[in-house]
Amino acid sequence: MTIKEKISDHTAEPILLAMIDEYSRLPEQKHNRYWELRVKCDEASLTYEENQEYELLIQEWEARNVERVQALIALAKKRGTTLRGVMAQLGIKGT
């Protein structure tokens, strides 16, 4: 099921808030592995296989962020505000 299929005009705020939270990070094991690989990347000590894995984790995190933004936009519409407005309400800093 895609994010667009999960979100409709009738999606309740608590569900959107849970989606925003869920998509704000990788699952714990992947998150931990991402940071292990990031440190190795910063040290320029990644193997080819580790670099491939690192790139896949980055892509997954970026895809989750897209889903998070879509949930934020749906919440903003529900609250009658802008994306920046709902991010401010939730204490989320823009990048």
Protein backbone atom coordinates (compact mmCIF):
# COMPACT_ATOMS: atom_id res chain seq x y z
CA MET A 1 0.00 0.00 0.00
CA THR A 2 1.41 3.38 -0.97
CA ILE A 3 1.38 6.42 1.28
CA LYS A 4 -1.26 8.04 -0.93
CA GLU A 5 -3.48 5.01 -0.39
CA LYS A 6 -2.94 5.27 3.37
CA ILE A 7 -3.87 8.96 3.54
CA SER A 8 -7.25 10.41 2.63
CA ASP A 9 -9.24 13.46 3.63
CA HIS A 10 -10.82 11.25 6.29
CA THR A 11 -7.58 10.09 7.92
CA ALA A 12 -7.72 11.05 11.59
CA GLU A 13 -5.09 13.33 13.11
CA PRO A 14 -3.79 10.66 15.51
CA ILE A 15 -3.11 8.36 12.57
CA LEU A 16 -1.31 11.12 10.68
CA LEU A 17 0.74 11.97 13.77
CA ALA A 18 1.70 8.31 14.17
CA MET A 19 2.71 8.16 10.50
CA ILE A 20 4.79 11.31 10.86
CA ASP A 21 6.57 9.77 13.84
CA GLU A 22 7.05 6.38 12.16
CA TYR A 23 8.47 7.82 8.95
CA SER A 24 10.83 10.21 10.73
CA ARG A 25 13.48 7.53 11.13
CA LEU A 26 14.60 4.12 10.01
CA PRO A 27 13.67 1.06 12.06
CA GLU A 28 16.08 0.74 15.01
CA GLN A 29 18.34 -1.98 13.58
CA LYS A 30 18.69 -0.19 10.26
CA HIS A 31 19.17 3.14 12.01
CA ASN A 32 22.01 1.73 14.07
CA ARG A 33 23.61 0.16 10.99
CA TYR A 34 23.27 3.45 9.09
CA TRP A 35 25.25 5.25 11.81
CA GLU A 36 27.92 2.53 11.90
CA LEU A 37 28.37 2.90 8.16
CA ARG A 38 28.25 6.68 8.30
CA VAL A 39 31.15 6.74 10.76
CA LYS A 40 33.11 4.41 8.50
CA CYS A 41 32.24 6.61 5.53
CA ASP A 42 33.49 9.70 7.36
CA GLU A 43 36.70 7.80 8.08
CA ALA A 44 36.89 6.73 4.39
CA SER A 45 37.07 3.08 5.46
CA LEU A 46 33.95 1.60 3.82
CA THR A 47 34.35 -1.52 1.75
CA TYR A 48 32.57 -1.68 -1.60
CA GLU A 49 29.81 -3.85 -0.09
CA GLU A 50 29.41 -1.54 2.89
CA ASN A 51 29.19 1.44 0.56
CA GLN A 52 26.40 -0.28 -1.39
CA GLU A 53 24.56 -1.04 1.85
CA TYR A 54 25.04 2.54 3.06
CA GLU A 55 23.62 3.94 -0.17
CA LEU A 56 20.57 1.66 0.11
CA LEU A 57 19.96 2.82 3.68
CA ILE A 58 20.22 6.46 2.57
CA GLN A 59 17.68 5.80 -0.19
CA GLU A 60 15.31 4.11 2.24
CA TRP A 61 15.61 7.00 4.71
CA GLU A 62 14.92 9.50 1.92
CA ALA A 63 11.86 7.52 0.79
CA ARG A 64 10.56 7.47 4.37
CA ASN A 65 11.08 11.23 4.57
CA VAL A 66 8.94 11.70 1.45
CA GLU A 67 6.18 9.71 3.14
CA ARG A 68 6.62 11.79 6.30
CA VAL A 69 6.26 15.03 4.34
CA GLN A 70 3.12 13.72 2.63
CA ALA A 71 1.62 12.94 6.04
CA LEU A 72 2.64 16.42 7.25
CA ILE A 73 0.95 18.00 4.22
CA ALA A 74 -2.24 16.01 4.90
CA LEU A 75 -2.18 17.15 8.53
CA ALA A 76 -1.60 20.75 7.46
CA LYS A 77 -4.65 20.57 5.15
CA LYS A 78 -6.73 19.06 7.96
CA ARG A 79 -5.66 21.87 10.31
CA GLY A 80 -6.10 24.59 7.67
CA THR A 81 -2.48 25.67 7.73
CA THR A 82 0.68 25.35 5.67
CA LEU A 83 3.37 22.71 5.78
CA ARG A 84 5.65 25.14 7.61
CA GLY A 85 2.78 26.05 9.93
CA VAL A 86 2.11 22.45 10.97
CA MET A 87 5.84 21.80 11.33
CA ALA A 88 6.05 24.78 13.70
CA GLN A 89 3.04 23.48 15.66
CA LEU A 90 4.78 20.12 16.06
CA GLY A 91 8.19 21.62 16.82
CA ILE A 92 9.75 20.16 13.69
CA LYS A 93 12.64 22.17 12.27
CA GLY A 94 12.94 22.53 8.51
CA THR A 95 16.08 21.58 6.71
